[in-house]
């Protein structure tokens, strides 16, 4: 099996001040608010075809082992949109190569809700492999 990466779907950045960072990305860089999930501490911004997710440090879905913002290690994970997504085949392929696998599930990305699989690189960085949106042909 060969993984075919189409593009970066989204990047998640951990932030201390959700409001000021949202203003920066929207007012300075020209992004727009795509989706707000304040109960999760998450604001998703549209950046062209991709998303930039801003995650409040300490929020419900923040990873407890992530570092403090400002220390240069505040990206939560990188998401890669893949073609021909088959969750079980991807898991088998990655496990054969010694990758540490996370959760397989349905998550929201740049094209809407669709299947995704979390895994970790050798240094513990989380990567998400994202399939096509639900209902896509």
C-alpha atoms as a PDB file:
ATOM      1  CA  UNK A   1       0.000   0.000   0.000  1.00  0.00           C
ATOM      2  CA  UNK A   2       1.245   3.493  -0.848  1.00  0.00           C
ATOM      3  CA  UNK A   3      -0.222   6.517   0.949  1.00  0.00           C
ATOM      4  CA  UNK A   4      -1.109   9.310  -1.501  1.00  0.00           C
ATOM      5  CA  UNK A   5      -1.102  12.723   0.213  1.00  0.00           C
ATOM      6  CA  UNK A   6      -3.306  15.268  -1.546  1.00  0.00           C
ATOM      7  CA  UNK A   7      -2.742  18.306   0.677  1.00  0.00           C
ATOM      8  CA  UNK A   8      -2.606  19.613   4.232  1.00  0.00           C
ATOM      9  CA  UNK A   9      -6.167  19.542   5.574  1.00  0.00           C
ATOM     10  CA  UNK A  10      -5.591  21.520   8.756  1.00  0.00           C
ATOM     11  CA  UNK A  11      -3.112  22.519  11.426  1.00  0.00           C
ATOM     12  CA  UNK A  12      -4.025  22.821  15.114  1.00  0.00           C
ATOM     13  CA  UNK A  13      -2.273  25.527  17.134  1.00  0.00           C
ATOM     14  CA  UNK A  14      -2.533  25.638  20.933  1.00  0.00           C
ATOM     15  CA  UNK A  15      -3.081  29.194  22.179  1.00  0.00           C
ATOM     16  CA  UNK A  16      -3.298  30.987  25.514  1.00  0.00           C
ATOM     17  CA  UNK A  17      -5.525  33.859  24.295  1.00  0.00           C
ATOM     18  CA  UNK A  18      -8.098  32.553  21.844  1.00  0.00           C
ATOM     19  CA  UNK A  19      -9.624  35.965  21.119  1.00  0.00           C
ATOM     20  CA  UNK A  20      -6.415  37.845  20.253  1.00  0.00           C
ATOM     21  CA  UNK A  21      -5.069  35.008  18.116  1.00  0.00           C
ATOM     22  CA  UNK A  22      -8.385  34.751  16.245  1.00  0.00           C
ATOM     23  CA  UNK A  23      -8.249  38.497  15.545  1.00  0.00           C
ATOM     24  CA  UNK A  24      -4.652  38.193  14.333  1.00  0.00           C
ATOM     25  CA  UNK A  25      -5.346  35.378  11.880  1.00  0.00           C
ATOM     26  CA  UNK A  26      -8.544  37.027  10.617  1.00  0.00           C
ATOM     27  CA  UNK A  27      -7.631  40.720  10.655  1.00  0.00           C
ATOM     28  CA  UNK A  28      -3.930  40.444   9.805  1.00  0.00           C
ATOM     29  CA  UNK A  29      -3.748  37.342   7.625  1.00  0.00           C
ATOM     30  CA  UNK A  30      -7.216  37.419   6.069  1.00  0.00           C
ATOM     31  CA  UNK A  31      -8.642  34.151   7.420  1.00  0.00           C
ATOM     32  CA  UNK A  32     -12.319  33.882   8.307  1.00  0.00           C
ATOM     33  CA  UNK A  33     -14.096  32.060  11.124  1.00  0.00           C
ATOM     34  CA  UNK A  34     -15.426  28.777   9.734  1.00  0.00           C
ATOM     35  CA  UNK A  35     -16.740  27.123  12.882  1.00  0.00           C
ATOM     36  CA  UNK A  36     -16.775  27.910  16.598  1.00  0.00           C
ATOM     37  CA  UNK A  37     -16.967  25.176  19.207  1.00  0.00           C
ATOM     38  CA  UNK A  38     -16.543  27.254  22.339  1.00  0.00           C
ATOM     39  CA  UNK A  39     -17.573  24.347  24.590  1.00  0.00           C
ATOM     40  CA  UNK A  40     -14.437  22.544  23.336  1.00  0.00           C
ATOM     41  CA  UNK A  41     -12.256  25.676  23.398  1.00  0.00           C
ATOM     42  CA  UNK A  42     -11.879  25.510  19.610  1.00  0.00           C
ATOM     43  CA  UNK A  43     -12.229  28.037  16.793  1.00  0.00           C
ATOM     44  CA  UNK A  44     -11.674  26.819  13.241  1.00  0.00           C
ATOM     45  CA  UNK A  45     -10.517  29.363  10.667  1.00  0.00           C
ATOM     46  CA  UNK A  46     -10.716  29.075   6.897  1.00  0.00           C
ATOM     47  CA  UNK A  47      -7.322  29.577   5.216  1.00  0.00           C
ATOM     48  CA  UNK A  48      -7.943  29.009   1.494  1.00  0.00           C
ATOM     49  CA  UNK A  49      -8.776  25.311   1.009  1.00  0.00           C
ATOM     50  CA  UNK A  50      -7.380  24.459   4.445  1.00  0.00           C
ATOM     51  CA  UNK A  51      -8.244  25.146   8.080  1.00  0.00           C
ATOM     52  CA  UNK A  52      -6.272  26.571  10.967  1.00  0.00           C
ATOM     53  CA  UNK A  53      -7.717  25.325  14.245  1.00  0.00           C
ATOM     54  CA  UNK A  54      -7.054  27.440  17.328  1.00  0.00           C
ATOM     55  CA  UNK A  55      -7.256  25.362  20.514  1.00  0.00           C
ATOM     56  CA  UNK A  56      -7.368  27.037  23.925  1.00  0.00           C
ATOM     57  CA  UNK A  57      -4.718  25.662  26.281  1.00  0.00           C
ATOM     58  CA  UNK A  58      -6.427  23.658  29.028  1.00  0.00           C
ATOM     59  CA  UNK A  59      -9.621  23.200  26.988  1.00  0.00           C
ATOM     60  CA  UNK A  60     -11.614  19.982  27.080  1.00  0.00           C
ATOM     61  CA  UNK A  61      -9.806  18.475  24.058  1.00  0.00           C
ATOM     62  CA  UNK A  62      -6.311  19.865  24.794  1.00  0.00           C
ATOM     63  CA  UNK A  63      -3.704  17.124  25.182  1.00  0.00           C
ATOM     64  CA  UNK A  64      -2.319  17.055  28.740  1.00  0.00           C
ATOM     65  CA  UNK A  65       1.199  16.246  27.506  1.00  0.00           C
ATOM     66  CA  UNK A  66       1.404  19.290  25.193  1.00  0.00           C
ATOM     67  CA  UNK A  67       3.805  22.089  26.083  1.00  0.00           C
ATOM     68  CA  UNK A  68       3.247  25.713  27.072  1.00  0.00           C
ATOM     69  CA  UNK A  69       2.540  28.173  24.230  1.00  0.00           C
ATOM     70  CA  UNK A  70       5.417  30.523  23.540  1.00  0.00           C
ATOM     71  CA  UNK A  71       8.013  27.790  23.981  1.00  0.00           C
ATOM     72  CA  UNK A  72       7.967  27.057  20.259  1.00  0.00           C
ATOM     73  CA  UNK A  73       6.098  23.774  20.661  1.00  0.00           C
ATOM     74  CA  UNK A  74       2.454  24.714  20.515  1.00  0.00           C
ATOM     75  CA  UNK A  75       1.269  22.826  17.435  1.00  0.00           C
ATOM     76  CA  UNK A  76      -1.061  20.031  18.493  1.00  0.00           C
ATOM     77  CA  UNK A  77      -1.038  18.034  15.248  1.00  0.00           C
ATOM     78  CA  UNK A  78      -0.646  18.063  11.485  1.00  0.00           C
ATOM     79  CA  UNK A  79      -3.478  16.704   9.368  1.00  0.00           C
ATOM     80  CA  UNK A  80      -2.829  15.267   5.916  1.00  0.00           C
ATOM     81  CA  UNK A  81      -5.709  14.654   3.513  1.00  0.00           C
ATOM     82  CA  UNK A  82      -5.242  11.265   1.838  1.00  0.00           C
ATOM     83  CA  UNK A  83      -6.896   9.679  -1.179  1.00  0.00           C
ATOM     84  CA  UNK A  84      -8.337   6.179  -1.034  1.00  0.00           C
ATOM     85  CA  UNK A  85      -8.897   6.259   2.739  1.00  0.00           C
ATOM     86  CA  UNK A  86      -9.374   2.778   4.213  1.00  0.00           C
ATOM     87  CA  UNK A  87      -9.007   3.044   7.983  1.00  0.00           C
ATOM     88  CA  UNK A  88      -8.308  -0.608   8.688  1.00  0.00           C
ATOM     89  CA  UNK A  89      -5.833  -0.945   5.811  1.00  0.00           C
ATOM     90  CA  UNK A  90      -4.066   2.241   6.953  1.00  0.00           C
ATOM     91  CA  UNK A  91      -3.841   0.931  10.519  1.00  0.00           C
ATOM     92  CA  UNK A  92      -2.361  -2.365   9.322  1.00  0.00           C
ATOM     93  CA  UNK A  93       0.102  -0.585   7.020  1.00  0.00           C
ATOM     94  CA  UNK A  94       1.263   1.769   9.754  1.00  0.00           C
ATOM     95  CA  UNK A  95       1.486  -0.899  12.448  1.00  0.00           C
ATOM     96  CA  UNK A  96       3.617  -3.074  10.143  1.00  0.00           C
ATOM     97  CA  UNK A  97       6.051  -0.161  10.028  1.00  0.00           C
ATOM     98  CA  UNK A  98       6.126   0.318  13.787  1.00  0.00           C
ATOM     99  CA  UNK A  99       4.000   3.476  13.985  1.00  0.00           C
ATOM    100  CA  UNK A 100       2.126   4.138  17.206  1.00  0.00           C
ATOM    101  CA  UNK A 101      -1.550   4.341  16.251  1.00  0.00           C
ATOM    102  CA  UNK A 102      -4.165   6.598  17.834  1.00  0.00           C
ATOM    103  CA  UNK A 103      -7.912   6.682  17.378  1.00  0.00           C
ATOM    104  CA  UNK A 104      -9.799   5.996  14.151  1.00  0.00           C
ATOM    105  CA  UNK A 105     -12.932   8.125  13.960  1.00  0.00           C
ATOM    106  CA  UNK A 106     -15.050  10.654  12.083  1.00  0.00           C
ATOM    107  CA  UNK A 107     -13.867  14.236  12.498  1.00  0.00           C
ATOM    108  CA  UNK A 108     -14.423  17.657  10.975  1.00  0.00           C
ATOM    109  CA  UNK A 109     -11.833  18.925   8.488  1.00  0.00           C
ATOM    110  CA  UNK A 110     -11.482  21.415   5.633  1.00  0.00           C
ATOM    111  CA  UNK A 111     -14.027  19.546   3.468  1.00  0.00           C
ATOM    112  CA  UNK A 112     -16.471  18.619   6.266  1.00  0.00           C
ATOM    113  CA  UNK A 113     -16.911  15.511   8.410  1.00  0.00           C
ATOM    114  CA  UNK A 114     -15.064  12.400   7.298  1.00  0.00           C
ATOM    115  CA  UNK A 115     -12.965   9.465   8.470  1.00  0.00           C
ATOM    116  CA  UNK A 116      -9.616  10.094  10.101  1.00  0.00           C
ATOM    117  CA  UNK A 117      -6.863   8.200  11.865  1.00  0.00           C
ATOM    118  CA  UNK A 118      -4.423   9.576  14.410  1.00  0.00           C
ATOM    119  CA  UNK A 119      -0.849   8.311  14.656  1.00  0.00           C
ATOM    120  CA  UNK A 120       2.412   9.532  16.166  1.00  0.00           C
ATOM    121  CA  UNK A 121       5.779  10.105  14.540  1.00  0.00           C
ATOM    122  CA  UNK A 122       8.978   8.790  16.183  1.00  0.00           C
ATOM    123  CA  UNK A 123       9.320  11.935  18.322  1.00  0.00           C
ATOM    124  CA  UNK A 124       5.723  11.814  19.548  1.00  0.00           C
ATOM    125  CA  UNK A 125       4.242  14.423  17.184  1.00  0.00           C
ATOM    126  CA  UNK A 126       0.634  13.646  16.360  1.00  0.00           C
ATOM    127  CA  UNK A 127      -0.349  13.309  12.696  1.00  0.00           C
ATOM    128  CA  UNK A 128      -3.901  12.867  11.448  1.00  0.00           C
ATOM    129  CA  UNK A 129      -4.626  11.109   8.163  1.00  0.00           C
ATOM    130  CA  UNK A 130      -7.949  12.436   6.850  1.00  0.00           C
ATOM    131  CA  UNK A 131     -10.198  10.822   4.257  1.00  0.00           C
ATOM    132  CA  UNK A 132     -12.827  12.383   2.010  1.00  0.00           C
ATOM    133  CA  UNK A 133     -15.910  14.051   3.465  1.00  0.00           C
ATOM    134  CA  UNK A 134     -18.973  11.923   4.155  1.00  0.00           C
ATOM    135  CA  UNK A 135     -21.076  11.427   1.052  1.00  0.00           C
ATOM    136  CA  UNK A 136     -18.226  12.224  -1.360  1.00  0.00           C
ATOM    137  CA  UNK A 137     -18.012  10.046  -4.432  1.00  0.00           C
END
